[in-house]
Amino acid sequence: MDLFLLTGIDNTPINEYFKILIEKDEDSCQPQKLTIKKVIEIFFQIIIMYFAASLSWGCSGKFPTAIRVLFAIFSAMFGMTYILLYWFFRADLCLKN
């Protein structure tokens, strides 16, 4: 998902982004314009973060609340990675409970 956010919906090659990062000019300090594409990407990222945190919270019921909160924070930070790992390794364990 992070690679998708880096390259974007319009399939711009990743090399173009590296060129932008390397080039230093006076305009680079100016705030960037918030586009509808970026708003949609942020919206989907928030949904993925919430879904990953809720999966983590529901699956770690045996642990104390502080540990569950910590697990939820880390799963939200690494949202898509956590969801994929959950799907491959933990889904059958959590669904049995």
Protein backbone atom coordinates (compact mmCIF):
# COMPACT_ATOMS: atom_id res chain seq x y z
CA MET A 1 0.00 0.00 0.00
CA ASP A 2 2.84 2.34 0.74
CA LEU A 3 4.25 1.79 -2.75
CA PHE A 4 0.78 2.55 -4.13
CA LEU A 5 0.73 5.81 -2.18
CA LEU A 6 4.20 6.66 -3.43
CA THR A 7 3.43 6.06 -7.09
CA GLY A 8 -0.18 7.20 -6.87
CA ILE A 9 -3.31 6.42 -8.78
CA ASP A 10 -2.08 7.89 -12.06
CA ASN A 11 0.77 5.31 -12.38
CA THR A 12 3.51 7.92 -12.48
CA PRO A 13 6.89 6.15 -12.62
CA ILE A 14 8.72 6.14 -9.33
CA ASN A 15 11.76 7.73 -11.03
CA GLU A 16 9.79 10.94 -11.46
CA TYR A 17 9.35 11.17 -7.70
CA PHE A 18 13.07 10.68 -7.11
CA LYS A 19 13.82 13.47 -9.58
CA ILE A 20 11.50 15.74 -7.62
CA LEU A 21 13.20 14.81 -4.36
CA ILE A 22 16.68 15.40 -5.74
CA GLU A 23 15.93 18.76 -7.30
CA LYS A 24 16.20 21.52 -4.72
CA ASP A 25 14.69 24.84 -5.62
CA GLU A 26 13.13 27.78 -3.84
CA ASP A 27 9.58 26.50 -4.40
CA SER A 28 10.21 23.26 -2.50
CA CYS A 29 9.65 25.03 0.83
CA GLN A 30 6.19 26.17 -0.19
CA PRO A 31 3.23 24.08 1.05
CA GLN A 32 1.89 21.70 -1.56
CA LYS A 33 -1.64 21.95 -2.88
CA LEU A 34 -4.06 19.37 -1.50
CA THR A 35 -5.63 17.59 -4.45
CA ILE A 36 -8.68 15.34 -4.54
CA LYS A 37 -6.40 12.41 -5.38
CA LYS A 38 -4.40 12.95 -2.20
CA VAL A 39 -7.59 13.27 -0.13
CA ILE A 40 -8.85 9.93 -1.50
CA GLU A 41 -5.50 8.26 -0.76
CA ILE A 42 -5.51 9.58 2.82
CA PHE A 43 -9.10 8.44 3.29
CA PHE A 44 -8.30 4.87 2.20
CA GLN A 45 -5.16 4.82 4.36
CA ILE A 46 -7.22 5.81 7.42
CA ILE A 47 -9.74 3.04 6.68
CA ILE A 48 -6.91 0.49 6.39
CA MET A 49 -5.37 1.74 9.64
CA TYR A 50 -8.68 1.41 11.48
CA PHE A 51 -9.34 -2.06 10.06
CA ALA A 52 -5.86 -3.29 11.04
CA ALA A 53 -6.18 -1.88 14.56
CA SER A 54 -9.59 -3.46 15.04
CA LEU A 55 -8.30 -6.84 13.85
CA SER A 56 -5.41 -6.59 16.28
CA TRP A 57 -7.68 -5.55 19.15
CA GLY A 58 -10.09 -8.38 18.54
CA CYS A 59 -7.43 -11.03 18.17
CA SER A 60 -5.40 -10.11 21.27
CA GLY A 61 -8.18 -10.62 23.81
CA LYS A 62 -6.04 -12.66 26.20
CA PHE A 63 -3.54 -9.85 26.84
CA PRO A 64 -3.84 -6.92 29.29
CA THR A 65 -5.35 -3.70 27.95
CA ALA A 66 -2.01 -1.83 27.80
CA ILE A 67 -0.49 -4.53 25.60
CA ARG A 68 -3.61 -4.61 23.41
CA VAL A 69 -3.35 -0.84 22.89
CA LEU A 70 0.33 -1.18 21.97
CA PHE A 71 -0.46 -3.96 19.49
CA ALA A 72 -3.26 -1.88 17.98
CA ILE A 73 -0.98 1.13 17.54
CA PHE A 74 1.69 -0.91 15.78
CA SER A 75 -0.84 -2.68 13.59
CA ALA A 76 -2.31 0.68 12.57
CA MET A 77 1.14 2.02 11.71
CA PHE A 78 1.89 -0.96 9.47
CA GLY A 79 -1.69 -1.37 8.27
CA MET A 80 -1.51 -3.26 4.99
CA THR A 81 1.43 -5.37 6.13
CA TYR A 82 -0.44 -6.36 9.29
CA ILE A 83 -3.59 -7.23 7.37
CA LEU A 84 -1.66 -9.47 4.98
CA LEU A 85 0.22 -11.21 7.82
CA TYR A 86 -3.04 -11.61 9.74
CA TRP A 87 -4.71 -13.14 6.71
CA PHE A 88 -1.89 -15.65 6.10
CA PHE A 89 -0.92 -16.59 9.67
CA ARG A 90 -3.44 -15.54 12.31
CA ALA A 91 -6.90 -15.58 10.78
CA ASP A 92 -7.60 -19.23 11.57
CA LEU A 93 -6.33 -18.83 15.14
CA CYS A 94 -8.45 -15.77 15.87
CA LEU A 95 -11.60 -17.07 14.24
CA LYS A 96 -11.61 -20.16 16.49
CA ASN A 97 -11.98 -17.99 19.62
